[in-house]
Amino acid sequence: MKIALCGGAGFIGHHLALRLGAGGHVVMIADSLMINNKYSLEGNSEYLAMVEERLGLLHAAGVPTLLLDARDYDLLSRSVGVWKPDAIVHLAAVAHIDRANKSPLTTFDHSLVTLENSLDVARAVGCKHFVYFSSSTAYGDFKKPEIDETEPCDPRGIYGSLKLCGELMVKAYADTYGLPTTIIRPCALYGPRCVSGRVPQKFVELAHNGQAIRIDGDGEGRHDFTSIHDMIDGVELALKAQPANEIYNVTAGRARSLNELVAIIRAHYPALRSTCGPADPEKPSRGTMSVEKAKNLLGYSPRWPLERGMADYIAWYKTFRQRMASRAA
C-alpha cells in the first residue's frame, strides 16, 4: 500500500514508518517538526539528538519526510492529495495533557484543524482507509478496573475532550461520505526516542541522572503502560485488515501501578530514590484497557510486558547516552 503519515516524524510515527517501510509498503511523512519535535526543542541537546536520530533512520530507510504544516489545507492537499495514498494515518497532535491544558488554542489548532484537513484530503482522493490516533483519556475516569470499547466516554480536561471530538469527526466522515476508518486508543506509551514527557520516559531520565522520582499520589495509580513495539504491531494489523469503522484499544492489556514501574526501573538503577506527593487532579484515574476486540478481529497479541519493554527501553537509553558522551568528549 501507499501510506501517508500525517504528523509521522513524531514518536509513534517514525516507529510506524520504519516498520511499514520494512514490510514493503511505500510510506511518506508529512510533518511540520513543530510539535514535540525539532523546532520546539531548542536548547535541549539530548532531545534534539533523539529527533535527529529519528530523521536519520527515516532517511536511511528511504522514507521521504515532507516539511509542511498540516493546518494549511491547500499545502496538504497539493502534497499528500496528489500522491493519492491508499491509507492515511493521522498522528498530528499535541501529545501531552499538561501542555493541552496550558494552551487549549494551540492544542485545538494542531489536533482538530489538522485532523479536519486530513479527513477532507482522504475523502477527496478516495482513500481506502483512514486511521486516527485517539487516546485512553477519551474514556475519562475508569469506572471499573478493566474497560473495553463499549465503555461510555466521559473525558476530563482539554486533551481528552479534543481526542473525543476527533473521534466524532472521524465517525461523521465515515457516516456522511463512506470513508473507511479505524480509531486507535493507546495508553501510556514508552520506548526509544520518546521526547513527549510521558511518565516512563521522565522516570528513566531522572533515574539515569541520579535524581529522585516524584510520584503523584501514593503510587498505586494504575496505567496500561504500553511498549511502542506492541503499539506498532497493532496498527500494522489494523492497516492490513478490512476497515469497518471500528474502534480498538491497542495497549499491553494489563494495568500496572506507578510503584511497580518504579520498582522495575530500580532494578536497572539500584540507587534510585523516589518520593510521593499530591495526586494531580487534572489527570483521570485509569486501569486496564481490554484488548480482546483487537485480539479477536485483528489477531493482535501484546508481546512486551512492562518488565521486558522497560528493559529494552532502558538498554537503548543507556546506549544513547553513551553515544552522546562519546561525541562530547
Protein backbone atom coordinates (compact mmCIF):
# COMPACT_ATOMS: atom_id res chain seq x y z
CA MET A 1 0.00 0.00 0.00
CA LYS A 2 0.86 3.66 -0.34
CA ILE A 3 0.53 5.04 3.18
CA ALA A 4 0.79 8.69 4.23
CA LEU A 5 1.52 9.53 7.86
CA CYS A 6 0.33 13.00 8.87
CA GLY A 7 2.49 14.01 11.81
CA GLY A 8 4.61 10.97 11.07
CA ALA A 9 8.00 12.24 12.24
CA GLY A 10 6.96 12.05 15.88
CA PHE A 11 7.47 9.29 18.43
CA ILE A 12 4.77 6.91 17.19
CA GLY A 13 5.00 7.96 13.56
CA HIS A 14 8.67 7.33 12.93
CA HIS A 15 8.47 3.86 14.51
CA LEU A 16 5.41 3.09 12.38
CA ALA A 17 7.04 4.41 9.20
CA LEU A 18 10.12 2.25 9.73
CA ARG A 19 8.01 -0.87 10.33
CA LEU A 20 5.73 -0.27 7.34
CA GLY A 21 8.66 0.51 5.06
CA ALA A 22 10.43 -2.67 6.15
CA GLY A 23 7.21 -4.56 5.38
CA GLY A 24 7.24 -3.48 1.74
CA HIS A 25 4.77 -0.59 1.89
CA VAL A 26 5.50 2.75 0.23
CA VAL A 27 5.44 5.34 3.02
CA MET A 28 5.58 9.11 3.05
CA ILE A 29 5.52 11.50 6.02
CA ALA A 30 4.07 14.99 6.26
CA ASP A 31 5.22 16.84 9.38
CA SER A 32 5.98 20.43 10.38
CA LEU A 33 8.52 19.25 13.02
CA MET A 34 6.99 21.87 15.35
CA ILE A 35 5.06 19.80 17.92
CA ASN A 36 7.16 17.65 20.29
CA ASN A 37 9.77 17.76 17.57
CA LYS A 38 12.81 19.51 16.16
CA TYR A 39 11.62 23.11 16.07
CA SER A 40 10.08 23.04 19.56
CA LEU A 41 13.14 21.60 21.34
CA GLU A 42 15.61 24.46 21.08
CA GLY A 43 18.15 24.29 23.90
CA ASN A 44 17.59 20.61 24.75
CA SER A 45 20.56 18.89 23.15
CA GLU A 46 19.51 15.42 24.31
CA TYR A 47 16.03 15.59 22.81
CA LEU A 48 17.32 17.21 19.65
CA ALA A 49 19.78 14.34 19.25
CA MET A 50 16.91 11.86 19.58
CA VAL A 51 14.93 13.69 16.91
CA GLU A 52 17.97 13.78 14.63
CA GLU A 53 18.29 10.04 15.15
CA ARG A 54 14.64 9.60 14.14
CA LEU A 55 15.15 11.62 10.98
CA GLY A 56 18.38 9.81 10.19
CA LEU A 57 16.70 6.42 10.47
CA LEU A 58 13.86 7.57 8.21
CA HIS A 59 16.34 8.88 5.65
CA ALA A 60 18.34 5.64 5.74
CA ALA A 61 15.12 3.67 5.22
CA GLY A 62 14.21 5.79 2.19
CA VAL A 63 11.08 7.29 3.80
CA PRO A 64 10.53 10.81 2.42
CA THR A 65 9.59 13.45 5.01
CA LEU A 66 7.77 16.47 3.62
CA LEU A 67 8.23 19.53 5.82
CA LEU A 68 4.74 21.02 5.82
CA ASP A 69 2.16 22.34 8.25
CA ALA A 70 -0.99 20.20 8.11
CA ARG A 71 -3.03 23.21 9.25
CA ASP A 72 -2.56 24.52 5.70
CA TYR A 73 -5.21 22.66 3.72
CA ASP A 74 -4.01 23.79 0.29
CA LEU A 75 -0.45 22.69 1.02
CA LEU A 76 -1.57 19.36 2.49
CA SER A 77 -3.89 18.61 -0.42
CA ARG A 78 -1.27 19.51 -3.03
CA SER A 79 1.40 17.40 -1.35
CA VAL A 80 -0.42 14.39 0.09
CA GLY A 81 -3.55 14.50 -2.05
CA VAL A 82 -1.65 14.50 -5.33
CA TRP A 83 0.27 11.43 -4.13
CA LYS A 84 -3.10 9.61 -3.77
CA PRO A 85 -2.33 7.33 -0.81
CA ASP A 86 -4.30 4.15 -0.21
CA ALA A 87 -4.29 4.90 3.52
CA ILE A 88 -3.75 7.97 5.69
CA VAL A 89 -2.72 7.64 9.34
CA HIS A 90 -3.38 10.82 11.30
CA LEU A 91 -0.91 11.34 14.15
CA ALA A 92 -0.61 15.13 14.24
CA ALA A 93 -1.45 16.36 17.74
CA VAL A 94 -0.25 17.93 20.96
CA ALA A 95 0.58 14.71 22.79
CA HIS A 96 0.56 15.75 26.45
CA ILE A 97 -2.24 16.52 28.93
CA ASP A 98 -0.35 19.28 30.74
CA ARG A 99 0.55 21.11 27.53
CA ALA A 100 -3.02 20.83 26.24
CA ASN A 101 -4.42 22.37 29.42
CA LYS A 102 -1.89 25.20 29.33
CA SER A 103 -2.56 26.07 25.70
CA PRO A 104 -6.00 24.91 24.52
CA LEU A 105 -5.92 27.07 21.38
CA THR A 106 -2.63 25.55 20.23
CA THR A 107 -3.96 22.08 21.00
CA PHE A 108 -7.15 22.69 19.02
CA ASP A 109 -5.15 24.11 16.11
CA HIS A 110 -2.65 21.25 15.90
CA SER A 111 -5.10 18.46 16.75
CA LEU A 112 -8.52 19.22 15.25
CA VAL A 113 -7.69 21.63 12.41
CA THR A 114 -5.04 19.22 11.14
CA LEU A 115 -7.49 16.31 11.51
CA GLU A 116 -10.21 18.08 9.52
CA ASN A 117 -7.72 18.75 6.74
CA SER A 118 -6.50 15.14 6.71
CA LEU A 119 -10.07 13.82 6.62
CA ASP A 120 -11.02 16.08 3.74
CA VAL A 121 -7.94 15.11 1.74
CA ALA A 122 -8.78 11.44 2.37
CA ARG A 123 -12.35 11.98 1.18
CA ALA A 124 -11.26 13.94 -1.89
CA VAL A 125 -8.79 11.31 -3.13
CA GLY A 126 -10.99 8.30 -2.35
CA CYS A 127 -8.68 6.98 0.36
CA LYS A 128 -9.40 3.33 1.20
CA HIS A 129 -8.52 3.57 4.90
CA PHE A 130 -8.20 6.41 7.40
CA VAL A 131 -6.60 5.66 10.78
CA TYR A 132 -6.96 8.11 13.67
CA PHE A 133 -4.95 8.03 16.88
CA SER A 134 -7.19 8.86 19.83
CA SER A 135 -6.30 8.21 23.49
CA SER A 136 -7.30 6.35 26.63
CA THR A 137 -8.18 9.79 28.05
CA ALA A 138 -11.31 9.81 25.86
CA TYR A 139 -12.84 7.47 28.47
CA GLY A 140 -12.21 9.88 31.36
CA ASP A 141 -12.07 8.26 34.81
CA PHE A 142 -12.25 4.48 34.54
CA LYS A 143 -15.38 3.35 36.39
CA LYS A 144 -14.04 -0.19 36.84
CA PRO A 145 -10.63 -1.93 36.85
CA GLU A 146 -10.91 -3.07 33.21
CA ILE A 147 -12.86 -1.46 30.39
CA ASP A 148 -13.49 -2.24 26.75
CA GLU A 149 -14.55 -0.17 23.75
CA THR A 150 -18.23 -0.24 24.78
CA GLU A 151 -17.47 1.87 27.85
CA PRO A 152 -19.17 5.31 27.61
CA CYS A 153 -16.71 8.15 27.03
CA ASP A 154 -16.71 10.96 29.59
CA PRO A 155 -13.38 12.76 29.18
CA ARG A 156 -11.94 15.28 31.61
CA GLY A 157 -9.94 18.34 30.60
CA ILE A 158 -8.84 19.75 27.26
CA TYR A 159 -6.76 16.84 25.98
CA GLY A 160 -9.26 14.02 26.41
CA SER A 161 -12.16 16.18 25.23
CA LEU A 162 -10.38 17.09 22.00
CA LYS A 163 -9.49 13.44 21.40
CA LEU A 164 -13.16 12.50 21.69
CA CYS A 165 -14.06 15.41 19.39
CA GLY A 166 -11.60 13.94 16.90
CA GLU A 167 -13.30 10.56 17.12
CA LEU A 168 -16.67 12.18 16.41
CA MET A 169 -15.22 13.97 13.38
CA VAL A 170 -13.87 10.66 12.05
CA LYS A 171 -17.25 8.99 12.62
CA ALA A 172 -19.00 11.85 10.83
CA TYR A 173 -16.83 11.38 7.73
CA ALA A 174 -17.47 7.64 7.83
CA ASP A 175 -21.24 8.14 8.12
CA THR A 176 -21.55 11.04 5.67
CA TYR A 177 -19.02 10.17 2.98
CA GLY A 178 -18.49 6.44 3.44
CA LEU A 179 -14.85 6.94 4.38
CA PRO A 180 -13.49 3.62 5.75
CA THR A 181 -11.96 4.37 9.15
CA THR A 182 -10.23 2.87 12.17
CA ILE A 183 -9.79 4.60 15.53
CA ILE A 184 -6.92 3.53 17.80
CA ARG A 185 -6.97 4.21 21.55
CA PRO A 186 -3.48 3.80 23.07
CA CYS A 187 -2.35 4.31 26.66
CA ALA A 188 0.87 5.31 28.45
CA LEU A 189 3.26 4.63 25.60
CA TYR A 190 7.03 4.36 26.07
CA GLY A 191 10.07 3.41 24.04
CA PRO A 192 13.18 4.64 22.21
CA ARG A 193 13.41 8.26 21.04
CA CYS A 194 10.39 9.50 23.01
CA VAL A 195 10.59 13.23 23.84
CA SER A 196 6.93 13.85 24.72
CA GLY A 197 7.31 13.90 28.51
CA ARG A 198 5.44 10.64 29.12
CA VAL A 199 5.74 9.13 32.61
CA PRO A 200 8.08 6.17 31.79
CA GLN A 201 10.32 8.49 29.77
CA LYS A 202 10.63 11.08 32.54
CA PHE A 203 11.21 8.41 35.20
CA VAL A 204 14.02 6.77 33.20
CA GLU A 205 15.69 10.12 32.54
CA LEU A 206 15.59 11.04 36.23
CA ALA A 207 16.93 7.63 37.25
CA HIS A 208 19.79 7.83 34.76
CA ASN A 209 20.72 11.31 36.01
CA GLY A 210 20.74 10.18 39.64
CA GLN A 211 17.71 12.30 40.54
CA ALA A 212 14.79 11.26 42.71
CA ILE A 213 11.48 10.36 41.10
CA ARG A 214 8.42 12.20 42.40
CA ILE A 215 5.25 10.12 42.19
CA ASP A 216 1.87 11.84 42.06
CA GLY A 217 -0.30 10.33 44.79
CA ASP A 218 0.53 7.17 46.73
CA GLY A 219 1.92 5.32 43.71
CA GLU A 220 -0.98 2.89 43.48
CA GLY A 221 -2.48 4.68 40.47
CA ARG A 222 -2.57 2.17 37.62
CA HIS A 223 -1.83 2.69 33.93
CA ASP A 224 -1.85 0.30 30.99
CA PHE A 225 1.81 1.02 30.16
CA THR A 226 2.36 0.02 26.52
CA SER A 227 5.60 -0.57 24.65
CA ILE A 228 5.84 1.21 21.31
CA HIS A 229 6.63 -2.20 19.79
CA ASP A 230 3.19 -3.56 20.77
CA MET A 231 1.51 -0.38 19.57
CA ILE A 232 3.12 -0.65 16.14
CA ASP A 233 2.13 -4.34 15.93
CA GLY A 234 -1.49 -3.33 16.49
CA VAL A 235 -1.52 -0.51 13.95
CA GLU A 236 0.16 -2.67 11.32
CA LEU A 237 -2.54 -5.33 11.82
CA ALA A 238 -5.27 -2.69 11.61
CA LEU A 239 -3.88 -1.43 8.30
CA LYS A 240 -3.84 -4.96 6.91
CA ALA A 241 -7.45 -5.62 7.95
CA GLN A 242 -10.54 -4.62 6.00
CA PRO A 243 -11.55 -1.30 7.61
CA ALA A 244 -15.01 -1.45 9.16
CA ASN A 245 -15.24 1.82 11.10
CA GLU A 246 -14.13 0.13 14.31
CA ILE A 247 -12.52 1.47 17.50
CA TYR A 248 -9.72 -0.56 19.09
CA ASN A 249 -7.91 -0.38 22.39
CA VAL A 250 -4.29 -1.15 21.50
CA THR A 251 -2.35 -1.49 24.74
CA ALA A 252 -0.49 -4.07 26.82
CA GLY A 253 -3.88 -5.18 28.15
CA ARG A 254 -2.69 -5.13 31.76
CA ALA A 255 -2.55 -2.13 34.08
CA ARG A 256 0.43 -1.73 36.40
CA SER A 257 0.91 0.70 39.28
CA LEU A 258 3.38 3.56 39.35
CA ASN A 259 5.08 1.80 42.27
CA GLU A 260 5.58 -1.28 40.09
CA LEU A 261 7.02 0.89 37.33
CA VAL A 262 9.48 2.48 39.77
CA ALA A 263 10.49 -0.95 41.10
CA ILE A 264 11.22 -2.18 37.57
CA ILE A 265 13.34 0.89 36.83
CA ARG A 266 15.14 0.50 40.19
CA ALA A 267 16.25 -2.99 39.11
CA HIS A 268 18.34 -1.22 36.45
CA TYR A 269 19.30 1.77 38.65
CA PRO A 270 19.67 0.37 42.20
CA ALA A 271 20.42 3.77 43.76
CA LEU A 272 17.12 5.22 42.52
CA ARG A 273 15.22 7.27 45.11
CA SER A 274 11.50 8.09 44.94
CA THR A 275 9.09 10.29 46.85
CA CYS A 276 5.32 10.71 46.81
CA GLY A 277 3.39 13.96 46.51
CA PRO A 278 -0.18 15.13 45.95
CA ALA A 279 -2.14 13.47 43.17
CA ASP A 280 -2.66 15.52 40.01
CA PRO A 281 -6.39 16.39 39.91
CA GLU A 282 -6.29 17.09 36.17
CA LYS A 283 -5.38 13.52 35.23
CA PRO A 284 -8.10 10.85 35.10
CA SER A 285 -7.83 7.61 37.03
CA ARG A 286 -7.15 4.71 34.70
CA GLY A 287 -6.72 0.94 34.70
CA THR A 288 -6.62 -1.96 32.26
CA MET A 289 -7.89 -1.47 28.72
CA SER A 290 -9.22 -4.75 27.38
CA VAL A 291 -7.62 -5.73 24.07
CA GLU A 292 -9.95 -8.68 23.43
CA LYS A 293 -11.60 -6.92 20.49
CA ALA A 294 -8.24 -6.29 18.81
CA LYS A 295 -7.23 -9.88 19.53
CA ASN A 296 -10.43 -11.31 18.03
CA LEU A 297 -10.77 -9.05 14.99
CA LEU A 298 -7.15 -8.20 14.17
CA GLY A 299 -5.13 -11.06 15.65
CA TYR A 300 -3.35 -8.63 17.98
CA SER A 301 -1.32 -10.18 20.79
CA PRO A 302 0.81 -7.99 23.10
CA ARG A 303 4.35 -9.36 23.39
CA TRP A 304 6.02 -6.73 25.57
CA PRO A 305 5.04 -6.87 29.26
CA LEU A 306 6.34 -3.97 31.32
CA GLU A 307 9.44 -5.80 32.57
CA ARG A 308 10.57 -6.71 29.05
CA GLY A 309 9.55 -3.42 27.49
CA MET A 310 11.30 -1.26 30.09
CA ALA A 311 14.45 -3.38 29.93
CA ASP A 312 14.54 -2.81 26.17
CA TYR A 313 13.89 0.92 26.56
CA ILE A 314 16.47 1.40 29.33
CA ALA A 315 19.11 -0.55 27.37
CA TRP A 316 18.50 1.73 24.39
CA TYR A 317 18.62 4.84 26.58
CA LYS A 318 21.92 3.86 28.20
CA THR A 319 23.46 3.23 24.78
CA PHE A 320 22.11 6.55 23.52
CA ARG A 321 23.63 8.44 26.46
CA GLN A 322 26.97 6.71 25.88
CA ARG A 323 26.91 7.88 22.26
CA MET A 324 26.11 11.41 23.43
CA ALA A 325 29.03 11.33 25.88
CA SER A 326 31.42 9.99 23.20
CA ARG A 327 30.51 12.79 20.81
CA ALA A 328 31.01 15.39 23.52
CA ALA A 329 34.44 14.03 24.53
